[in-house]
Amino acid sequence: ELVASVSSIGRTNYADSVKGRFTISRDNAKNMVYLQM
């Protein structure tokens, strides 16, 4: 199942079960994505 996603311009989407607890972010310069839980 999808937990979280982030678009190329930073728009985010979260599963209802993790909203308010998880945060997704990305660093385009480093080609990295993170999930803070």
PDB file of all heavy atoms in Angstrom:
ATOM      1  N   GLU A   1       0.810  -1.204   0.000  1.00  0.00           N
ATOM      2  CA  GLU A   1       0.000   0.000   0.000  1.00  0.00           C
ATOM      3  C   GLU A   1       0.849   1.262   0.000  1.00  0.00           C
ATOM      4  O   GLU A   1       1.972   1.284   0.511  1.00  0.00           O
ATOM      5  CB  GLU A   1      -0.927   0.019   1.222  1.00  0.00           C
ATOM      6  CG  GLU A   1      -0.193   0.089   2.556  1.00  0.00           C
ATOM      7  CD  GLU A   1      -1.118   0.209   3.750  1.00  0.00           C
ATOM      8  OE1 GLU A   1      -2.336   0.416   3.557  1.00  0.00           O
ATOM      9  OE2 GLU A   1      -0.621   0.096   4.889  1.00  0.00           O
ATOM     10  N   LEU A   2       0.289   2.316  -0.571  1.00  0.00           N
ATOM     11  CA  LEU A   2       0.966   3.608  -0.589  1.00  0.00           C
ATOM     12  C   LEU A   2       0.932   4.229   0.798  1.00  0.00           C
ATOM     13  O   LEU A   2      -0.123   4.317   1.420  1.00  0.00           O
ATOM     14  CB  LEU A   2       0.297   4.544  -1.589  1.00  0.00           C
ATOM     15  CG  LEU A   2       0.833   5.978  -1.627  1.00  0.00           C
ATOM     16  CD1 LEU A   2       2.251   6.000  -2.183  1.00  0.00           C
ATOM     17  CD2 LEU A   2      -0.077   6.867  -2.473  1.00  0.00           C
ATOM     18  N   VAL A   3       2.084   4.682   1.260  1.00  0.00           N
ATOM     19  CA  VAL A   3       2.190   5.353   2.544  1.00  0.00           C
ATOM     20  C   VAL A   3       2.197   6.857   2.336  1.00  0.00           C
ATOM     21  O   VAL A   3       1.448   7.597   2.978  1.00  0.00           O
ATOM     22  CB  VAL A   3       3.464   4.928   3.303  1.00  0.00           C
ATOM     23  CG1 VAL A   3       3.605   5.713   4.604  1.00  0.00           C
ATOM     24  CG2 VAL A   3       3.436   3.433   3.584  1.00  0.00           C
ATOM     25  N   ALA A   4       3.062   7.323   1.448  1.00  0.00           N
ATOM     26  CA  ALA A   4       3.181   8.746   1.170  1.00  0.00           C
ATOM     27  C   ALA A   4       3.875   8.955  -0.163  1.00  0.00           C
ATOM     28  O   ALA A   4       4.671   8.128  -0.599  1.00  0.00           O
ATOM     29  CB  ALA A   4       3.958   9.451   2.280  1.00  0.00           C
ATOM     30  N   SER A   5       3.579  10.069  -0.811  1.00  0.00           N
ATOM     31  CA  SER A   5       4.237  10.419  -2.060  1.00  0.00           C
ATOM     32  C   SER A   5       4.468  11.916  -2.104  1.00  0.00           C
ATOM     33  O   SER A   5       3.794  12.685  -1.413  1.00  0.00           O
ATOM     34  CB  SER A   5       3.405   9.974  -3.266  1.00  0.00           C
ATOM     35  OG  SER A   5       2.168  10.655  -3.317  1.00  0.00           O
ATOM     36  N   VAL A   6       5.420  12.316  -2.922  1.00  0.00           N
ATOM     37  CA  VAL A   6       5.729  13.731  -3.085  1.00  0.00           C
ATOM     38  C   VAL A   6       6.037  13.993  -4.556  1.00  0.00           C
ATOM     39  O   VAL A   6       6.797  13.255  -5.187  1.00  0.00           O
ATOM     40  CB  VAL A   6       6.903  14.171  -2.173  1.00  0.00           C
ATOM     41  CG1 VAL A   6       8.153  13.331  -2.430  1.00  0.00           C
ATOM     42  CG2 VAL A   6       7.196  15.648  -2.355  1.00  0.00           C
ATOM     43  N   SER A   7       5.430  15.030  -5.113  1.00  0.00           N
ATOM     44  CA  SER A   7       5.621  15.364  -6.513  1.00  0.00           C
ATOM     45  C   SER A   7       6.920  16.120  -6.718  1.00  0.00           C
ATOM     46  O   SER A   7       7.618  16.475  -5.772  1.00  0.00           O
ATOM     47  CB  SER A   7       4.448  16.199  -7.025  1.00  0.00           C
ATOM     48  OG  SER A   7       4.519  17.524  -6.530  1.00  0.00           O
ATOM     49  N   SER A   8       7.233  16.397  -7.982  1.00  0.00           N
ATOM     50  CA  SER A   8       8.457  17.119  -8.313  1.00  0.00           C
ATOM     51  C   SER A   8       8.468  18.546  -7.778  1.00  0.00           C
ATOM     52  O   SER A   8       9.537  19.134  -7.622  1.00  0.00           O
ATOM     53  CB  SER A   8       8.664  17.139  -9.827  1.00  0.00           C
ATOM     54  OG  SER A   8       7.589  17.789 -10.481  1.00  0.00           O
ATOM     55  N   ILE A   9       7.288  19.095  -7.505  1.00  0.00           N
ATOM     56  CA  ILE A   9       7.214  20.447  -6.965  1.00  0.00           C
ATOM     57  C   ILE A   9       6.878  20.472  -5.481  1.00  0.00           C
ATOM     58  O   ILE A   9       6.566  21.523  -4.926  1.00  0.00           O
ATOM     59  CB  ILE A   9       6.207  21.318  -7.744  1.00  0.00           C
ATOM     60  CG1 ILE A   9       4.804  20.724  -7.678  1.00  0.00           C
ATOM     61  CG2 ILE A   9       6.659  21.494  -9.190  1.00  0.00           C
ATOM     62  CD1 ILE A   9       3.735  21.633  -8.258  1.00  0.00           C
ATOM     63  N   GLY A  10       6.930  19.319  -4.838  1.00  0.00           N
ATOM     64  CA  GLY A  10       6.764  19.268  -3.404  1.00  0.00           C
ATOM     65  C   GLY A  10       5.381  19.007  -2.858  1.00  0.00           C
ATOM     66  O   GLY A  10       5.181  19.043  -1.634  1.00  0.00           O
ATOM     67  N   ARG A  11       4.412  18.730  -3.708  1.00  0.00           N
ATOM     68  CA  ARG A  11       3.074  18.416  -3.212  1.00  0.00           C
ATOM     69  C   ARG A  11       3.074  17.004  -2.646  1.00  0.00           C
ATOM     70  O   ARG A  11       3.622  16.085  -3.248  1.00  0.00           O
ATOM     71  CB  ARG A  11       2.039  18.536  -4.323  1.00  0.00           C
ATOM     72  CG  ARG A  11       1.886  19.946  -4.868  1.00  0.00           C
ATOM     73  CD  ARG A  11       0.651  20.114  -5.715  1.00  0.00           C
ATOM     74  NE  ARG A  11      -0.560  19.997  -4.917  1.00  0.00           N
ATOM     75  CZ  ARG A  11      -1.787  20.199  -5.389  1.00  0.00           C
ATOM     76  NH1 ARG A  11      -1.957  20.543  -6.663  1.00  0.00           N
ATOM     77  NH2 ARG A  11      -2.828  20.060  -4.596  1.00  0.00           N
ATOM     78  N   THR A  12       2.443  16.843  -1.491  1.00  0.00           N
ATOM     79  CA  THR A  12       2.469  15.561  -0.800  1.00  0.00           C
ATOM     80  C   THR A  12       1.100  14.913  -0.690  1.00  0.00           C
ATOM     81  O   THR A  12       0.063  15.577  -0.743  1.00  0.00           O
ATOM     82  CB  THR A  12       3.046  15.720   0.618  1.00  0.00           C
ATOM     83  OG1 THR A  12       2.257  16.669   1.352  1.00  0.00           O
ATOM     84  CG2 THR A  12       4.480  16.215   0.558  1.00  0.00           C
ATOM     85  N   ASN A  13       1.128  13.598  -0.523  1.00  0.00           N
ATOM     86  CA  ASN A  13      -0.080  12.813  -0.355  1.00  0.00           C
ATOM     87  C   ASN A  13       0.227  11.722   0.662  1.00  0.00           C
ATOM     88  O   ASN A  13       1.288  11.102   0.606  1.00  0.00           O
ATOM     89  CB  ASN A  13      -0.515  12.204  -1.683  1.00  0.00           C
ATOM     90  CG  ASN A  13      -1.819  11.452  -1.572  1.00  0.00           C
ATOM     91  OD1 ASN A  13      -2.768  11.928  -0.964  1.00  0.00           O
ATOM     92  ND2 ASN A  13      -1.872  10.265  -2.169  1.00  0.00           N
ATOM     93  N   TYR A  14      -0.707  11.498   1.602  1.00  0.00           N
ATOM     94  CA  TYR A  14      -0.493  10.515   2.656  1.00  0.00           C
ATOM     95  C   TYR A  14      -1.668   9.566   2.797  1.00  0.00           C
ATOM     96  O   TYR A  14      -2.821   9.947   2.573  1.00  0.00           O
ATOM     97  CB  TYR A  14      -0.292  11.197   4.006  1.00  0.00           C
ATOM     98  CG  TYR A  14       0.923  12.072   4.105  1.00  0.00           C
ATOM     99  CD1 TYR A  14       0.851  13.428   3.812  1.00  0.00           C
ATOM    100  CD2 TYR A  14       2.152  11.541   4.498  1.00  0.00           C
ATOM    101  CE1 TYR A  14       1.970  14.241   3.910  1.00  0.00           C
ATOM    102  CE2 TYR A  14       3.275  12.343   4.597  1.00  0.00           C
ATOM    103  CZ  TYR A  14       3.179  13.693   4.305  1.00  0.00           C
ATOM    104  OH  TYR A  14       4.295  14.494   4.405  1.00  0.00           O
ATOM    105  N   ALA A  15      -1.369   8.350   3.198  1.00  0.00           N
ATOM    106  CA  ALA A  15      -2.423   7.424   3.573  1.00  0.00           C
ATOM    107  C   ALA A  15      -3.081   7.968   4.835  1.00  0.00           C
ATOM    108  O   ALA A  15      -2.411   8.561   5.686  1.00  0.00           O
ATOM    109  CB  ALA A  15      -1.852   6.041   3.841  1.00  0.00           C
ATOM    110  N   ASP A  16      -4.375   7.775   4.962  1.00  0.00           N
ATOM    111  CA  ASP A  16      -5.095   8.309   6.112  1.00  0.00           C
ATOM    112  C   ASP A  16      -4.528   7.787   7.436  1.00  0.00           C
ATOM    113  O   ASP A  16      -4.525   8.502   8.440  1.00  0.00           O
ATOM    114  CB  ASP A  16      -6.576   7.954   6.004  1.00  0.00           C
ATOM    115  CG  ASP A  16      -7.420   8.620   7.071  1.00  0.00           C
ATOM    116  OD1 ASP A  16      -7.486   9.859   7.085  1.00  0.00           O
ATOM    117  OD2 ASP A  16      -8.003   7.897   7.903  1.00  0.00           O
ATOM    118  N   SER A  17      -4.040   6.572   7.428  1.00  0.00           N
ATOM    119  CA  SER A  17      -3.533   5.953   8.644  1.00  0.00           C
ATOM    120  C   SER A  17      -2.252   6.587   9.188  1.00  0.00           C
ATOM    121  O   SER A  17      -1.905   6.373  10.353  1.00  0.00           O
ATOM    122  CB  SER A  17      -3.296   4.462   8.415  1.00  0.00           C
ATOM    123  OG  SER A  17      -2.340   4.253   7.389  1.00  0.00           O
ATOM    124  N   VAL A  18      -1.554   7.361   8.362  1.00  0.00           N
ATOM    125  CA  VAL A  18      -0.296   7.958   8.807  1.00  0.00           C
ATOM    126  C   VAL A  18      -0.320   9.476   8.837  1.00  0.00           C
ATOM    127  O   VAL A  18       0.674  10.099   9.255  1.00  0.00           O
ATOM    128  CB  VAL A  18       0.889   7.491   7.933  1.00  0.00           C
ATOM    129  CG1 VAL A  18       0.932   5.974   7.863  1.00  0.00           C
ATOM    130  CG2 VAL A  18       0.814   8.093   6.536  1.00  0.00           C
ATOM    131  N   LYS A  19      -1.407  10.088   8.444  1.00  0.00           N
ATOM    132  CA  LYS A  19      -1.498  11.541   8.444  1.00  0.00           C
ATOM    133  C   LYS A  19      -1.279  12.105   9.848  1.00  0.00           C
ATOM    134  O   LYS A  19      -1.833  11.610  10.815  1.00  0.00           O
ATOM    135  CB  LYS A  19      -2.862  11.992   7.911  1.00  0.00           C
ATOM    136  CG  LYS A  19      -3.021  11.844   6.416  1.00  0.00           C
ATOM    137  CD  LYS A  19      -4.380  12.363   5.946  1.00  0.00           C
ATOM    138  CE  LYS A  19      -4.513  12.240   4.440  1.00  0.00           C
ATOM    139  NZ  LYS A  19      -5.847  12.704   3.968  1.00  0.00           N
ATOM    140  N   GLY A  20      -0.458  13.132   9.918  1.00  0.00           N
ATOM    141  CA  GLY A  20      -0.158  13.747  11.194  1.00  0.00           C
ATOM    142  C   GLY A  20       0.990  13.104  11.929  1.00  0.00           C
ATOM    143  O   GLY A  20       1.488  13.662  12.915  1.00  0.00           O
ATOM    144  N   ARG A  21       1.435  11.931  11.471  1.00  0.00           N
ATOM    145  CA  ARG A  21       2.525  11.217  12.130  1.00  0.00           C
ATOM    146  C   ARG A  21       3.763  11.085  11.243  1.00  0.00           C
ATOM    147  O   ARG A  21       4.891  11.126  11.729  1.00  0.00           O
ATOM    148  CB  ARG A  21       2.075   9.820  12.557  1.00  0.00           C
ATOM    149  CG  ARG A  21       0.914   9.822  13.539  1.00  0.00           C
ATOM    150  CD  ARG A  21       0.635   8.421  14.083  1.00  0.00           C
ATOM    151  NE  ARG A  21       0.249   7.492  13.019  1.00  0.00           N
ATOM    152  CZ  ARG A  21       0.924   6.384  12.704  1.00  0.00           C
ATOM    153  NH1 ARG A  21       2.028   6.071  13.372  1.00  0.00           N
ATOM    154  NH2 ARG A  21       0.497   5.590  11.743  1.00  0.00           N
ATOM    155  N   PHE A  22       3.544  10.913   9.945  1.00  0.00           N
ATOM    156  CA  PHE A  22       4.649  10.738   8.997  1.00  0.00           C
ATOM    157  C   PHE A  22       4.818  11.991   8.143  1.00  0.00           C
ATOM    158  O   PHE A  22       3.839  12.676   7.824  1.00  0.00           O
ATOM    159  CB  PHE A  22       4.386   9.560   8.062  1.00  0.00           C
ATOM    160  CG  PHE A  22       4.428   8.203   8.711  1.00  0.00           C
ATOM    161  CD1 PHE A  22       4.478   8.052  10.085  1.00  0.00           C
ATOM    162  CD2 PHE A  22       4.418   7.064   7.919  1.00  0.00           C
ATOM    163  CE1 PHE A  22       4.510   6.797  10.676  1.00  0.00           C
ATOM    164  CE2 PHE A  22       4.454   5.802   8.491  1.00  0.00           C
ATOM    165  CZ  PHE A  22       4.497   5.668   9.875  1.00  0.00           C
ATOM    166  N   THR A  23       6.049  12.257   7.748  1.00  0.00           N
ATOM    167  CA  THR A  23       6.341  13.369   6.862  1.00  0.00           C
ATOM    168  C   THR A  23       7.290  12.919   5.762  1.00  0.00           C
ATOM    169  O   THR A  23       8.356  12.381   6.039  1.00  0.00           O
ATOM    170  CB  THR A  23       6.984  14.543   7.625  1.00  0.00           C
ATOM    171  OG1 THR A  23       6.111  14.989   8.666  1.00  0.00           O
ATOM    172  CG2 THR A  23       7.243  15.714   6.671  1.00  0.00           C
ATOM    173  N   ILE A  24       6.887  13.143   4.512  1.00  0.00           N
ATOM    174  CA  ILE A  24       7.743  12.803   3.383  1.00  0.00           C
ATOM    175  C   ILE A  24       8.401  14.076   2.860  1.00  0.00           C
ATOM    176  O   ILE A  24       7.784  15.142   2.836  1.00  0.00           O
ATOM    177  CB  ILE A  24       6.947  12.095   2.261  1.00  0.00           C
ATOM    178  CG1 ILE A  24       7.894  11.575   1.171  1.00  0.00           C
ATOM    179  CG2 ILE A  24       5.892  13.020   1.661  1.00  0.00           C
ATOM    180  CD1 ILE A  24       7.217  10.664   0.153  1.00  0.00           C
ATOM    181  N   SER A  25       9.646  13.966   2.454  1.00  0.00           N
ATOM    182  CA  SER A  25      10.367  15.102   1.903  1.00  0.00           C
ATOM    183  C   SER A  25      11.376  14.598   0.877  1.00  0.00           C
ATOM    184  O   SER A  25      11.674  13.401   0.824  1.00  0.00           O
ATOM    185  CB  SER A  25      11.072  15.899   3.004  1.00  0.00           C
ATOM    186  OG  SER A  25      12.022  15.101   3.678  1.00  0.00           O
ATOM    187  N   ARG A  26      11.898  15.512   0.065  1.00  0.00           N
ATOM    188  CA  ARG A  26      12.876  15.113  -0.946  1.00  0.00           C
ATOM    189  C   ARG A  26      13.945  16.169  -1.123  1.00  0.00           C
ATOM    190  O   ARG A  26      13.732  17.351  -0.835  1.00  0.00           O
ATOM    191  CB  ARG A  26      12.184  14.830  -2.284  1.00  0.00           C
ATOM    192  CG  ARG A  26      11.501  16.039  -2.909  1.00  0.00           C
ATOM    193  CD  ARG A  26      10.645  15.637  -4.112  1.00  0.00           C
ATOM    194  NE  ARG A  26      11.454  15.219  -5.252  1.00  0.00           N
ATOM    195  CZ  ARG A  26      10.953  14.676  -6.362  1.00  0.00           C
ATOM    196  NH1 ARG A  26       9.646  14.460  -6.459  1.00  0.00           N
ATOM    197  NH2 ARG A  26      11.772  14.333  -7.356  1.00  0.00           N
ATOM    198  N   ASP A  27      15.081  15.735  -1.609  1.00  0.00           N
ATOM    199  CA  ASP A  27      16.190  16.616  -1.922  1.00  0.00           C
ATOM    200  C   ASP A  27      16.521  16.353  -3.382  1.00  0.00           C
ATOM    201  O   ASP A  27      17.179  15.360  -3.711  1.00  0.00           O
ATOM    202  CB  ASP A  27      17.389  16.319  -1.022  1.00  0.00           C
ATOM    203  CG  ASP A  27      18.529  17.304  -1.224  1.00  0.00           C
ATOM    204  OD1 ASP A  27      18.658  17.871  -2.324  1.00  0.00           O
ATOM    205  OD2 ASP A  27      19.303  17.506  -0.271  1.00  0.00           O
ATOM    206  N   ASN A  28      16.051  17.216  -4.257  1.00  0.00           N
ATOM    207  CA  ASN A  28      16.234  17.009  -5.692  1.00  0.00           C
ATOM    208  C   ASN A  28      17.697  17.043  -6.125  1.00  0.00           C
ATOM    209  O   ASN A  28      18.090  16.350  -7.060  1.00  0.00           O
ATOM    210  CB  ASN A  28      15.440  18.051  -6.475  1.00  0.00           C
ATOM    211  CG  ASN A  28      13.944  17.865  -6.335  1.00  0.00           C
ATOM    212  OD1 ASN A  28      13.455  16.750  -6.136  1.00  0.00           O
ATOM    213  ND2 ASN A  28      13.197  18.952  -6.446  1.00  0.00           N
ATOM    214  N   ALA A  29      18.492  17.853  -5.457  1.00  0.00           N
ATOM    215  CA  ALA A  29      19.910  17.951  -5.800  1.00  0.00           C
ATOM    216  C   ALA A  29      20.658  16.658  -5.506  1.00  0.00           C
ATOM    217  O   ALA A  29      21.656  16.345  -6.154  1.00  0.00           O
ATOM    218  CB  ALA A  29      20.556  19.113  -5.058  1.00  0.00           C
ATOM    219  N   LYS A  30      20.175  15.904  -4.520  1.00  0.00           N
ATOM    220  CA  LYS A  30      20.827  14.659  -4.127  1.00  0.00           C
ATOM    221  C   LYS A  30      20.086  13.416  -4.615  1.00  0.00           C
ATOM    222  O   LYS A  30      20.520  12.298  -4.347  1.00  0.00           O
ATOM    223  CB  LYS A  30      20.959  14.594  -2.610  1.00  0.00           C
ATOM    224  CG  LYS A  30      21.850  15.671  -2.020  1.00  0.00           C
ATOM    225  CD  LYS A  30      21.939  15.525  -0.507  1.00  0.00           C
ATOM    226  CE  LYS A  30      22.851  16.569   0.099  1.00  0.00           C
ATOM    227  NZ  LYS A  30      22.931  16.428   1.569  1.00  0.00           N
ATOM    228  N   ASN A  31      18.965  13.612  -5.304  1.00  0.00           N
ATOM    229  CA  ASN A  31      18.128  12.498  -5.767  1.00  0.00           C
ATOM    230  C   ASN A  31      17.726  11.595  -4.603  1.00  0.00           C
ATOM    231  O   ASN A  31      17.806  10.365  -4.687  1.00  0.00           O
ATOM    232  CB  ASN A  31      18.851  11.673  -6.834  1.00  0.00           C
ATOM    233  CG  ASN A  31      18.947  12.388  -8.164  1.00  0.00           C
ATOM    234  OD1 ASN A  31      18.205  13.335  -8.436  1.00  0.00           O
ATOM    235  ND2 ASN A  31      19.862  11.945  -9.012  1.00  0.00           N
ATOM    236  N   MET A  32      17.293  12.226  -3.522  1.00  0.00           N
ATOM    237  CA  MET A  32      16.907  11.471  -2.340  1.00  0.00           C
ATOM    238  C   MET A  32      15.499  11.810  -1.868  1.00  0.00           C
ATOM    239  O   MET A  32      15.005  12.914  -2.084  1.00  0.00           O
ATOM    240  CB  MET A  32      17.888  11.719  -1.197  1.00  0.00           C
ATOM    241  CG  MET A  32      19.298  11.233  -1.478  1.00  0.00           C
ATOM    242  SD  MET A  32      20.361  11.252  -0.011  1.00  0.00           S
ATOM    243  CE  MET A  32      19.631   9.906   0.943  1.00  0.00           C
ATOM    244  N   VAL A  33      14.876  10.854  -1.216  1.00  0.00           N
ATOM    245  CA  VAL A  33      13.575  11.039  -0.603  1.00  0.00           C
ATOM    246  C   VAL A  33      13.640  10.456   0.800  1.00  0.00           C
ATOM    247  O   VAL A  33      14.330   9.466   1.039  1.00  0.00           O
ATOM    248  CB  VAL A  33      12.447  10.382  -1.435  1.00  0.00           C
ATOM    249  CG1 VAL A  33      12.639   8.867  -1.523  1.00  0.00           C
ATOM    250  CG2 VAL A  33      11.084  10.734  -0.862  1.00  0.00           C
ATOM    251  N   TYR A  34      12.921  11.086   1.727  1.00  0.00           N
ATOM    252  CA  TYR A  34      12.961  10.690   3.123  1.00  0.00           C
ATOM    253  C   TYR A  34      11.554  10.465   3.662  1.00  0.00           C
ATOM    254  O   TYR A  34      10.586  11.024   3.163  1.00  0.00           O
ATOM    255  CB  TYR A  34      13.632  11.769   3.977  1.00  0.00           C
ATOM    256  CG  TYR A  34      14.974  12.219   3.461  1.00  0.00           C
ATOM    257  CD1 TYR A  34      15.075  13.275   2.554  1.00  0.00           C
ATOM    258  CD2 TYR A  34      16.151  11.602   3.878  1.00  0.00           C
ATOM    259  CE1 TYR A  34      16.306  13.696   2.077  1.00  0.00           C
ATOM    260  CE2 TYR A  34      17.381  12.013   3.406  1.00  0.00           C
ATOM    261  CZ  TYR A  34      17.461  13.061   2.512  1.00  0.00           C
ATOM    262  OH  TYR A  34      18.686  13.476   2.042  1.00  0.00           O
ATOM    263  N   LEU A  35      11.467   9.673   4.703  1.00  0.00           N
ATOM    264  CA  LEU A  35      10.203   9.476   5.394  1.00  0.00           C
ATOM    265  C   LEU A  35      10.470   9.552   6.884  1.00  0.00           C
ATOM    266  O   LEU A  35      11.082   8.656   7.459  1.00  0.00           O
ATOM    267  CB  LEU A  35       9.569   8.126   5.046  1.00  0.00           C
ATOM    268  CG  LEU A  35       8.179   7.890   5.639  1.00  0.00           C
ATOM    269  CD1 LEU A  35       7.168   8.855   5.012  1.00  0.00           C
ATOM    270  CD2 LEU A  35       7.736   6.447   5.432  1.00  0.00           C
ATOM    271  N   GLN A  36      10.023  10.643   7.502  1.00  0.00           N
ATOM    272  CA  GLN A  36      10.155  10.812   8.936  1.00  0.00           C
ATOM    273  C   GLN A  36       8.908  10.234   9.591  1.00  0.00           C
ATOM    274  O   GLN A  36       7.802  10.697   9.321  1.00  0.00           O
ATOM    275  CB  GLN A  36      10.307  12.293   9.289  1.00  0.00           C
ATOM    276  CG  GLN A  36      10.462  12.573  10.774  1.00  0.00           C
ATOM    277  CD  GLN A  36      11.774  12.058  11.333  1.00  0.00           C
ATOM    278  OE1 GLN A  36      12.844  12.347  10.808  1.00  0.00           O
ATOM    279  NE2 GLN A  36      11.701  11.276  12.408  1.00  0.00           N
ATOM    280  N   MET A  37       9.100   9.252  10.437  1.00  0.00           N
ATOM    281  CA  MET A  37       7.989   8.570  11.086  1.00  0.00           C
ATOM    282  C   MET A  37       8.023   8.844  12.586  1.00  0.00           C
ATOM    283  O   MET A  37       9.029   8.598  13.247  1.00  0.00           O
ATOM    284  CB  MET A  37       8.055   7.067  10.825  1.00  0.00           C
ATOM    285  CG  MET A  37       8.094   6.700   9.343  1.00  0.00           C
ATOM    286  SD  MET A  37       8.096   4.908   9.057  1.00  0.00           S
ATOM    287  CE  MET A  37       9.736   4.499   9.668  1.00  0.00           C
TER     288      MET A  37
END
